[in-house]
């Protein structure tokens, strides 16, 4: 059911250069730079200035991007807009765009904000529009009536971890090492000298309106000490208040629909879950086992990752197309909502399939790594990944090859990839699971055979000391 937006909206600026009078489209979350109902010189000269919100430097520590976004009052819908690139965070807020580089990471963001004042358009200016023709342009729904100005910047500390447990441990150590200490009416961030070694493998970065070269702990100490004083001199937009055009002219009112909060939550959750699956694939393919010793399996994982990335891209494009349509009260709500639900469901199935593939490959990696470790412990030489055609017949040392069958062994396209590339909903995911042939590393008899073969080789080696070393 469509309803006209007749109330104000408050939004964080996300580092964007937002000016009083700037026009905005709530459907696409887009500000239109340089487009206003008034001359900027008039608005700037006559703007009402309120100093009652002036505050000292305030450092806020957050331990995830979700927490950092909540700290600036970015709700689930706004966060989804950011993840789908319907809007962007720049300058002091650019760290909010960060994507994880690995499935498990420890993170800490130290944000400092100094609020200087609030500027608002006075009534007499509101009543004297110079470019009133924009009221008739359907692209615009709101205008910027108020801007809170000041300075903001963030120091980010991120460390890639090998497991969730390690990420939690490192996050706790970062929390202890970077402390927020109030001093003389303001705040400062201090870095514990006891844990300096912790920062050796930590990626340190800076987000601010003024560029700073920050790549080391020493840089971070210097910038953190300067931030309160530097930010106190800035007058950048921190947040803004938007009023509907209908405030100026009732005929300019647009029919805007509020989004179904449950659908927004499901869409955001599907996107987040898919991002994590993509990171898990990246971590899996980076294993030395698949890079050096079994590159054929690595290629299989890489091909699957590409297929899933295409599916994720299609989902994001569909969500970017449908969300503005759903907010537009003149468009068919049922059709667009049904389409978005279908896109979410399909991508959830693709993510489920991807996680199943990851489980399979992780299991395969475990069996292979265990077998290779046992062979290495018995002094077998490892020539995997260095095999040449002539080595089948040449050379003094015979080679032992892993020769196991199965639906997916040695092929570049895993059967589960077909489900991803089908682009259609699976009628029955359990049926899809049952239809998959058991792979070699999932078959207990095959694993027992590998163990028995290993034992037989070891025994053979003990009985034939004159035989050249067996290599694999």
Protein backbone atom coordinates (compact mmCIF):
# COMPACT_ATOMS: atom_id res chain seq x y z
CA UNK A 1 0.00 0.00 0.00
CA UNK A 2 1.54 3.31 -1.10
CA UNK A 3 1.73 6.26 1.24
CA UNK A 4 3.03 9.77 0.73
CA UNK A 5 6.19 10.62 2.66
CA UNK A 6 5.07 13.61 4.72
CA UNK A 7 7.64 13.42 7.50
CA UNK A 8 11.31 14.26 7.76
CA UNK A 9 14.12 11.75 7.28
CA UNK A 10 17.47 11.74 9.04
CA UNK A 11 20.51 10.15 7.43
CA UNK A 12 24.24 9.87 8.11
CA UNK A 13 26.24 11.71 5.45
CA UNK A 14 28.62 8.74 4.88
CA UNK A 15 31.38 11.17 3.97
CA UNK A 16 29.46 12.64 1.04
CA UNK A 17 29.57 16.36 0.28
CA UNK A 18 25.97 17.15 1.20
CA UNK A 19 24.86 20.77 0.91
CA UNK A 20 21.76 22.61 2.11
CA UNK A 21 19.05 22.61 -0.55
CA UNK A 22 20.44 19.60 -2.43
CA UNK A 23 17.74 17.39 -3.97
CA UNK A 24 17.35 13.70 -3.14
CA UNK A 25 15.48 10.60 -4.31
CA UNK A 26 14.50 8.34 -1.43
CA UNK A 27 13.68 5.49 -3.83
CA UNK A 28 17.25 5.15 -5.09
CA UNK A 29 19.01 6.71 -2.07
CA UNK A 30 20.65 9.21 -4.42
CA UNK A 31 21.68 12.80 -3.75
CA UNK A 32 21.85 15.08 -6.81
CA UNK A 33 24.96 17.21 -6.52
CA UNK A 34 24.55 20.71 -7.92
CA UNK A 35 20.76 20.45 -8.21
CA UNK A 36 18.85 22.72 -5.82
CA UNK A 37 15.73 24.85 -5.62
CA UNK A 38 17.84 27.81 -4.48
CA UNK A 39 21.16 29.44 -5.32
CA UNK A 40 23.82 28.01 -3.04
CA UNK A 41 25.14 31.49 -2.29
CA UNK A 42 21.73 32.55 -0.97
CA UNK A 43 21.28 29.44 1.16
CA UNK A 44 24.80 29.67 2.58
CA UNK A 45 24.53 33.38 3.38
CA UNK A 46 21.15 33.16 5.10
CA UNK A 47 21.42 29.74 6.73
CA UNK A 48 20.57 29.62 10.42
CA UNK A 49 23.52 28.48 12.49
CA UNK A 50 23.06 26.60 15.75
CA UNK A 51 26.06 26.09 18.02
CA UNK A 52 24.32 24.24 20.81
CA UNK A 53 25.46 20.84 19.50
CA UNK A 54 29.18 21.64 19.70
CA UNK A 55 30.99 18.73 21.34
CA UNK A 56 34.53 17.74 22.17
CA UNK A 57 36.28 14.92 20.36
CA UNK A 58 34.52 11.63 20.92
CA UNK A 59 36.29 8.34 20.17
CA UNK A 60 34.04 5.33 19.63
CA UNK A 61 35.47 1.81 19.30
CA UNK A 62 33.63 -0.82 17.26
CA UNK A 63 34.56 -4.43 16.61
CA UNK A 64 32.65 -5.15 13.42
CA UNK A 65 31.32 -3.20 10.45
CA UNK A 66 27.78 -3.93 11.67
CA UNK A 67 28.57 -2.27 14.99
CA UNK A 68 30.27 0.68 13.27
CA UNK A 69 27.23 1.20 11.05
CA UNK A 70 24.91 1.05 14.03
CA UNK A 71 27.03 3.67 15.79
CA UNK A 72 26.22 6.21 13.06
CA UNK A 73 22.52 5.26 13.04
CA UNK A 74 22.63 3.42 9.72
CA UNK A 75 19.69 1.01 9.88
CA UNK A 76 19.28 -2.37 8.13
CA UNK A 77 17.76 -0.78 5.04
CA UNK A 78 20.51 1.84 4.81
CA UNK A 79 23.16 -0.81 5.32
CA UNK A 80 21.62 -2.93 2.55
CA UNK A 81 21.66 0.10 0.23
CA UNK A 82 25.37 0.45 0.98
CA UNK A 83 26.14 -3.23 0.37
CA UNK A 84 24.22 -3.19 -2.91
CA UNK A 85 26.02 0.02 -3.94
CA UNK A 86 22.78 1.96 -4.26
CA UNK A 87 24.72 4.54 -2.27
CA UNK A 88 28.38 4.84 -1.38
CA UNK A 89 30.47 5.75 1.63
CA UNK A 90 33.49 7.97 0.94
CA UNK A 91 36.05 10.04 2.80
CA UNK A 92 35.69 9.62 6.55
CA UNK A 93 33.17 6.79 6.09
CA UNK A 94 34.90 4.82 3.33
CA UNK A 95 35.86 2.05 5.78
CA UNK A 96 32.16 1.13 5.94
CA UNK A 97 32.53 -0.18 2.37
CA UNK A 98 35.17 -2.72 3.45
CA UNK A 99 34.67 -6.31 2.42
CA UNK A 100 36.35 -9.12 4.30
CA UNK A 101 39.38 -10.58 2.55
CA UNK A 102 39.05 -13.89 4.39
CA UNK A 103 36.26 -15.80 6.10
CA UNK A 104 37.69 -15.11 9.56
CA UNK A 105 39.10 -11.76 10.59
CA UNK A 106 39.56 -9.71 13.73
CA UNK A 107 38.63 -6.06 13.39
CA UNK A 108 38.65 -2.89 15.43
CA UNK A 109 37.68 0.59 14.23
CA UNK A 110 38.49 3.67 16.30
CA UNK A 111 36.28 6.53 15.08
CA UNK A 112 36.65 10.11 16.25
CA UNK A 113 33.87 12.65 15.61
CA UNK A 114 33.72 16.35 16.46
CA UNK A 115 30.32 18.00 15.96
CA UNK A 116 30.68 21.73 15.28
CA UNK A 117 27.27 23.13 14.47
CA UNK A 118 23.99 22.69 12.60
CA UNK A 119 22.98 24.66 9.52
CA UNK A 120 19.36 24.86 8.38
CA UNK A 121 17.42 26.68 5.70
CA UNK A 122 15.31 29.49 7.24
CA UNK A 123 11.62 29.91 6.46
CA UNK A 124 12.09 33.02 4.32
CA UNK A 125 14.43 31.14 1.97
CA UNK A 126 12.08 28.16 1.77
CA UNK A 127 9.38 30.46 0.52
CA UNK A 128 11.49 32.01 -2.25
CA UNK A 129 12.50 29.21 -4.60
CA UNK A 130 14.44 30.28 -7.68
CA UNK A 131 14.36 26.92 -9.48
CA UNK A 132 10.82 25.78 -8.73
CA UNK A 133 10.69 23.80 -12.00
CA UNK A 134 12.48 20.96 -10.21
CA UNK A 135 9.33 20.41 -8.16
CA UNK A 136 7.72 18.98 -11.28
CA UNK A 137 10.60 16.59 -11.98
CA UNK A 138 9.61 13.11 -10.82
CA UNK A 139 13.22 12.14 -10.13
CA UNK A 140 13.26 14.12 -6.88
CA UNK A 141 11.36 13.37 -3.67
CA UNK A 142 13.14 15.35 -0.90
CA UNK A 143 15.52 18.24 -0.27
CA UNK A 144 18.23 18.77 2.34
CA UNK A 145 16.80 21.12 4.96
CA UNK A 146 19.41 20.71 7.69
CA UNK A 147 23.04 19.62 7.90
CA UNK A 148 25.08 18.78 11.00
CA UNK A 149 28.70 19.73 10.32
CA UNK A 150 32.01 18.86 11.89
CA UNK A 151 34.85 16.43 11.41
CA UNK A 152 35.13 12.66 11.53
CA UNK A 153 37.85 10.09 10.87
CA UNK A 154 38.51 6.43 11.60
CA UNK A 155 41.55 4.26 12.21
CA UNK A 156 40.91 0.64 11.23
CA UNK A 157 42.86 -2.40 12.44
CA UNK A 158 42.16 -5.66 10.59
CA UNK A 159 43.89 -9.03 10.88
CA UNK A 160 43.15 -12.12 8.79
CA UNK A 161 42.73 -15.25 10.91
CA UNK A 162 42.64 -18.97 10.19
CA UNK A 163 39.59 -19.80 12.31
CA UNK A 164 36.67 -18.26 14.18
CA UNK A 165 38.35 -19.05 17.50
CA UNK A 166 41.53 -17.24 16.47
CA UNK A 167 39.48 -14.26 15.25
CA UNK A 168 37.73 -14.01 18.63
CA UNK A 169 41.03 -14.25 20.48
CA UNK A 170 42.75 -11.59 18.35
CA UNK A 171 39.69 -9.33 18.56
CA UNK A 172 39.89 -9.53 22.35
CA UNK A 173 43.59 -8.69 22.29
CA UNK A 174 42.99 -5.73 19.98
CA UNK A 175 40.28 -4.50 22.30
CA UNK A 176 42.71 -4.57 25.22
CA UNK A 177 45.57 -3.04 23.23
CA UNK A 178 43.61 -0.09 21.82
CA UNK A 179 41.98 1.72 24.71
CA UNK A 180 39.79 4.80 24.86
CA UNK A 181 41.05 7.13 27.61
CA UNK A 182 39.20 10.41 28.42
CA UNK A 183 41.54 13.31 29.14
CA UNK A 184 40.87 16.93 30.04
CA UNK A 185 37.40 17.18 28.58
CA UNK A 186 38.23 15.23 25.41
CA UNK A 187 39.17 11.72 24.38
CA UNK A 188 42.26 10.11 23.03
CA UNK A 189 43.16 6.64 21.84
CA UNK A 190 46.19 4.98 23.40
CA UNK A 191 48.00 1.84 22.28
CA UNK A 192 49.26 -0.51 24.95
CA UNK A 193 53.02 -0.97 24.62
CA UNK A 194 52.74 -4.47 26.12
CA UNK A 195 51.16 -5.94 22.98
CA UNK A 196 53.01 -4.16 20.17
CA UNK A 197 53.88 -7.53 18.60
CA UNK A 198 50.16 -8.06 18.03
CA UNK A 199 50.14 -5.32 15.40
CA UNK A 200 52.90 -6.83 13.24
CA UNK A 201 50.44 -8.66 10.96
CA UNK A 202 47.58 -6.19 11.35
CA UNK A 203 46.49 -4.10 8.39
CA UNK A 204 46.15 -0.50 9.57
CA UNK A 205 44.24 2.04 7.48
CA UNK A 206 42.75 5.52 7.83
CA UNK A 207 39.47 6.99 6.60
CA UNK A 208 39.14 10.76 6.66
CA UNK A 209 38.24 13.82 4.62
CA UNK A 210 41.94 14.73 4.57
CA UNK A 211 44.23 11.98 3.30
CA UNK A 212 46.74 10.53 5.75
CA UNK A 213 49.41 7.91 5.06
CA UNK A 214 48.81 5.36 7.80
CA UNK A 215 50.33 1.90 7.46
CA UNK A 216 52.17 1.29 10.74
CA UNK A 217 51.49 1.44 14.45
CA UNK A 218 53.72 4.50 14.72
CA UNK A 219 51.63 6.25 12.04
CA UNK A 220 48.47 5.30 13.91
CA UNK A 221 49.82 6.73 17.17
CA UNK A 222 50.71 10.00 15.47
CA UNK A 223 47.38 10.39 13.65
CA UNK A 224 45.32 9.39 16.70
CA UNK A 225 47.03 12.11 18.73
CA UNK A 226 46.33 14.73 16.05
CA UNK A 227 42.77 13.72 15.19
CA UNK A 228 40.83 15.69 17.86
CA UNK A 229 42.62 18.94 17.06
CA UNK A 230 42.48 18.43 13.29
CA UNK A 231 38.81 17.42 13.20
CA UNK A 232 37.80 20.38 15.37
CA UNK A 233 38.68 22.64 12.43
CA UNK A 234 36.57 20.80 9.85
CA UNK A 235 33.03 21.62 8.74
CA UNK A 236 32.11 18.57 6.69
CA UNK A 237 28.62 17.08 6.62
CA UNK A 238 28.13 14.45 9.34
CA UNK A 239 24.39 13.92 8.98
CA UNK A 240 21.41 15.61 7.38
CA UNK A 241 17.67 16.06 7.67
CA UNK A 242 15.56 15.65 4.54
CA UNK A 243 12.11 17.15 4.02
CA UNK A 244 9.61 16.03 1.35
CA UNK A 245 9.01 18.37 -1.58
CA UNK A 246 5.33 18.38 -0.62
CA UNK A 247 6.32 20.70 2.26
CA UNK A 248 6.98 23.34 -0.39
CA UNK A 249 4.19 22.43 -2.80
CA UNK A 250 1.48 19.87 -2.17
CA UNK A 251 1.41 19.03 -5.88
CA UNK A 252 5.05 17.95 -5.69
CA UNK A 253 4.29 15.10 -3.30
CA UNK A 254 5.47 11.66 -4.43
CA UNK A 255 3.83 8.40 -3.49
CA UNK A 256 6.53 6.52 -1.64
CA UNK A 257 6.07 3.06 -0.16
CA UNK A 258 7.72 1.85 3.02
CA UNK A 259 9.60 -1.39 2.49
CA UNK A 260 8.53 -4.61 4.20
CA UNK A 261 11.05 -4.85 7.05
CA UNK A 262 11.05 -8.66 6.99
CA UNK A 263 11.85 -8.69 3.26
CA UNK A 264 14.67 -6.19 3.81
CA UNK A 265 16.07 -8.35 6.62
CA UNK A 266 15.89 -11.53 4.52
CA UNK A 267 17.56 -9.83 1.56
CA UNK A 268 20.36 -8.48 3.75
CA UNK A 269 20.84 -11.86 5.44
CA UNK A 270 21.01 -13.68 2.08
CA UNK A 271 23.63 -11.22 0.83
CA UNK A 272 25.70 -11.56 4.01
CA UNK A 273 25.51 -15.36 3.94
CA UNK A 274 26.54 -15.39 0.29
CA UNK A 275 29.50 -13.09 0.98
CA UNK A 276 30.70 -15.49 3.66
CA UNK A 277 30.38 -18.48 1.32
CA UNK A 278 32.44 -16.62 -1.28
CA UNK A 279 35.16 -15.95 1.29
CA UNK A 280 35.19 -19.60 2.33
CA UNK A 281 35.71 -20.58 -1.32
CA UNK A 282 38.58 -18.10 -1.57
CA UNK A 283 40.22 -19.52 1.55
CA UNK A 284 39.74 -23.08 0.27
CA UNK A 285 41.32 -22.47 -3.12
CA UNK A 286 44.32 -20.74 -1.52
CA UNK A 287 45.38 -23.95 0.27
CA UNK A 288 48.86 -25.08 -0.77
CA UNK A 289 47.42 -28.57 -1.24
CA UNK A 290 45.25 -27.36 -4.13
CA UNK A 291 47.72 -24.83 -5.46
CA UNK A 292 50.79 -27.05 -5.66
CA UNK A 293 50.05 -30.73 -5.10
CA UNK A 294 46.57 -31.21 -6.56
CA UNK A 295 46.08 -28.30 -8.99
CA UNK A 296 43.30 -30.16 -10.84
CA UNK A 297 41.15 -29.96 -7.72
CA UNK A 298 42.17 -26.32 -7.37
CA UNK A 299 40.89 -25.62 -10.88
CA UNK A 300 37.64 -27.36 -10.01
CA UNK A 301 37.19 -25.10 -6.98
CA UNK A 302 38.14 -22.03 -9.01
CA UNK A 303 35.53 -22.85 -11.65
CA UNK A 304 32.89 -23.33 -8.97
CA UNK A 305 33.87 -20.03 -7.37
CA UNK A 306 33.44 -18.23 -10.70
CA UNK A 307 29.98 -19.76 -11.17
CA UNK A 308 28.91 -18.72 -7.68
CA UNK A 309 30.29 -15.21 -8.20
CA UNK A 310 28.14 -14.91 -11.34
CA UNK A 311 25.08 -16.06 -9.38
CA UNK A 312 25.79 -13.53 -6.63
CA UNK A 313 26.23 -10.75 -9.17
CA UNK A 314 22.86 -11.60 -10.74
CA UNK A 315 21.21 -11.55 -7.31
CA UNK A 316 22.71 -8.17 -6.43
CA UNK A 317 21.64 -6.70 -9.77
CA UNK A 318 18.09 -7.95 -9.26
CA UNK A 319 17.95 -6.54 -5.73
CA UNK A 320 19.30 -3.17 -6.94
CA UNK A 321 16.59 -3.08 -9.59
CA UNK A 322 13.69 -4.16 -7.37
CA UNK A 323 14.26 -2.15 -4.17
CA UNK A 324 13.70 1.27 -5.85
CA UNK A 325 10.66 -0.20 -7.63
CA UNK A 326 9.23 -1.36 -4.32
CA UNK A 327 9.72 2.08 -2.77
CA UNK A 328 7.92 3.71 -5.70
CA UNK A 329 4.25 3.84 -4.76
CA UNK A 330 3.23 4.05 -8.41
CA UNK A 331 4.72 0.62 -9.24
CA UNK A 332 3.11 -2.79 -8.70
CA UNK A 333 4.05 -3.87 -5.18
CA UNK A 334 2.95 -7.52 -5.40
CA UNK A 335 4.84 -8.21 -8.63
CA UNK A 336 8.08 -6.65 -7.39
CA UNK A 337 7.86 -8.18 -3.91
CA UNK A 338 7.25 -11.62 -5.41
CA UNK A 339 10.22 -11.16 -7.73
CA UNK A 340 12.53 -10.14 -4.87
CA UNK A 341 11.40 -13.05 -2.69
CA UNK A 342 12.10 -15.43 -5.58
CA UNK A 343 15.56 -13.91 -6.09
CA UNK A 344 16.33 -14.24 -2.38
CA UNK A 345 15.16 -17.87 -2.30
CA UNK A 346 17.19 -18.80 -5.38
CA UNK A 347 20.35 -17.18 -4.03
CA UNK A 348 19.84 -18.87 -0.66
CA UNK A 349 19.73 -22.21 -2.49
CA UNK A 350 22.89 -21.33 -4.41
CA UNK A 351 24.58 -20.46 -1.10
CA UNK A 352 23.39 -23.74 0.44
CA UNK A 353 24.82 -25.64 -2.53
CA UNK A 354 28.09 -23.72 -2.25
CA UNK A 355 28.45 -24.54 1.44
CA UNK A 356 27.83 -28.19 0.62
CA UNK A 357 30.54 -28.05 -2.03
CA UNK A 358 32.90 -26.42 0.48
CA UNK A 359 32.19 -29.19 3.00
CA UNK A 360 33.00 -31.80 0.35
CA UNK A 361 36.25 -30.16 -0.70
CA UNK A 362 37.27 -29.58 2.94
CA UNK A 363 36.67 -33.27 3.62
CA UNK A 364 38.69 -34.19 0.54
CA UNK A 365 41.50 -31.89 1.64
CA UNK A 366 41.54 -33.47 5.09
CA UNK A 367 41.84 -37.01 3.69
CA UNK A 368 44.57 -35.99 1.24
CA UNK A 369 46.54 -33.99 3.82
CA UNK A 370 46.37 -36.85 6.32
CA UNK A 371 47.54 -39.37 3.72
CA UNK A 372 50.39 -37.15 2.51
CA UNK A 373 51.49 -36.43 6.07
CA UNK A 374 51.65 -40.16 6.80
CA UNK A 375 53.67 -40.82 3.64
CA UNK A 376 56.06 -37.98 4.43
CA UNK A 377 56.53 -39.29 7.97
CA UNK A 378 57.68 -42.59 6.43
CA UNK A 379 60.26 -40.73 4.31
CA UNK A 380 58.41 -41.11 1.01
CA UNK A 381 59.45 -38.41 -1.45
CA UNK A 382 56.77 -35.97 -2.56
CA UNK A 383 56.82 -35.13 -6.26
CA UNK A 384 53.16 -34.11 -6.55
CA UNK A 385 52.72 -31.02 -8.66
CA UNK A 386 56.07 -31.56 -10.34
CA UNK A 387 55.09 -34.52 -12.52
CA UNK A 388 56.41 -34.56 -16.08
CA UNK A 389 55.16 -36.82 -18.84
CA UNK A 390 58.53 -38.52 -19.22
CA UNK A 391 58.62 -39.40 -15.53
CA UNK A 392 56.11 -42.17 -16.19
CA UNK A 393 58.85 -44.21 -17.84
CA UNK A 394 62.10 -42.42 -17.12
CA UNK A 395 64.15 -42.10 -14.00
CA UNK A 396 65.41 -44.62 -11.49
CA UNK A 397 62.66 -44.15 -8.88
CA UNK A 398 59.17 -45.48 -9.68
CA UNK A 399 56.25 -43.20 -8.86
CA UNK A 400 53.09 -44.01 -6.96
CA UNK A 401 49.97 -42.25 -8.22
CA UNK A 402 46.68 -41.69 -6.46
CA UNK A 403 44.24 -43.39 -8.84
CA UNK A 404 40.74 -43.28 -7.44
CA UNK A 405 37.40 -43.10 -9.22
CA UNK A 406 34.23 -41.12 -8.65
CA UNK A 407 31.87 -38.70 -10.34
CA UNK A 408 33.97 -35.61 -9.66
CA UNK A 409 37.55 -36.86 -9.53
CA UNK A 410 39.82 -35.21 -12.07
CA UNK A 411 37.15 -33.11 -13.80
CA UNK A 412 37.19 -29.33 -13.94
CA UNK A 413 33.45 -28.90 -13.41
CA UNK A 414 31.98 -30.42 -10.27
CA UNK A 415 28.39 -31.75 -10.61
CA UNK A 416 27.17 -29.29 -7.97
CA UNK A 417 28.25 -26.47 -10.26
CA UNK A 418 25.43 -27.44 -12.63
CA UNK A 419 22.91 -26.50 -9.91
CA UNK A 420 24.49 -23.07 -9.57
CA UNK A 421 24.55 -22.49 -13.32
CA UNK A 422 20.97 -23.67 -13.87
CA UNK A 423 19.65 -20.27 -12.76
CA UNK A 424 16.40 -21.86 -11.57
CA UNK A 425 15.02 -22.92 -8.22
CA UNK A 426 15.69 -26.50 -7.23
CA UNK A 427 12.41 -28.35 -6.91
CA UNK A 428 13.82 -30.43 -4.09
CA UNK A 429 17.21 -29.75 -2.53
CA UNK A 430 17.20 -33.08 -0.73
CA UNK A 431 16.64 -34.88 -4.03
CA UNK A 432 19.56 -32.95 -5.48
CA UNK A 433 21.59 -34.17 -2.54
CA UNK A 434 20.52 -37.81 -2.95
CA UNK A 435 21.20 -37.78 -6.70
CA UNK A 436 24.88 -36.97 -6.13
CA UNK A 437 27.12 -40.02 -6.38
CA UNK A 438 29.31 -40.70 -3.37
CA UNK A 439 32.78 -39.31 -3.92
CA UNK A 440 35.93 -41.27 -3.21
CA UNK A 441 36.76 -39.47 0.02
CA UNK A 442 33.20 -40.00 1.31
CA UNK A 443 33.36 -43.78 0.83
CA UNK A 444 34.56 -45.63 3.90
CA UNK A 445 35.71 -48.65 1.86
CA UNK A 446 37.84 -46.41 -0.35
CA UNK A 447 39.42 -44.67 2.62
CA UNK A 448 40.19 -48.06 4.19
CA UNK A 449 41.73 -49.13 0.88
CA UNK A 450 43.99 -46.06 0.90
CA UNK A 451 45.08 -46.83 4.46
CA UNK A 452 45.73 -50.49 3.63
CA UNK A 453 47.69 -49.52 0.51
CA UNK A 454 49.80 -47.16 2.59
CA UNK A 455 50.51 -49.93 5.11
CA UNK A 456 51.38 -52.36 2.32
CA UNK A 457 53.80 -49.87 0.79
CA UNK A 458 55.48 -49.32 4.12
CA UNK A 459 55.79 -53.06 4.64
CA UNK A 460 57.16 -53.52 1.12
CA UNK A 461 59.74 -50.87 1.76
CA UNK A 462 60.90 -52.60 4.93
CA UNK A 463 61.31 -55.93 3.10
CA UNK A 464 63.13 -54.50 0.08
CA UNK A 465 65.84 -52.11 1.28
CA UNK A 466 67.64 -52.32 -2.07
CA UNK A 467 64.60 -51.01 -3.96
CA UNK A 468 64.83 -47.35 -5.08
CA UNK A 469 62.76 -44.97 -2.93
CA UNK A 470 59.05 -44.87 -3.75
CA UNK A 471 57.93 -41.40 -4.68
CA UNK A 472 54.46 -39.97 -4.97
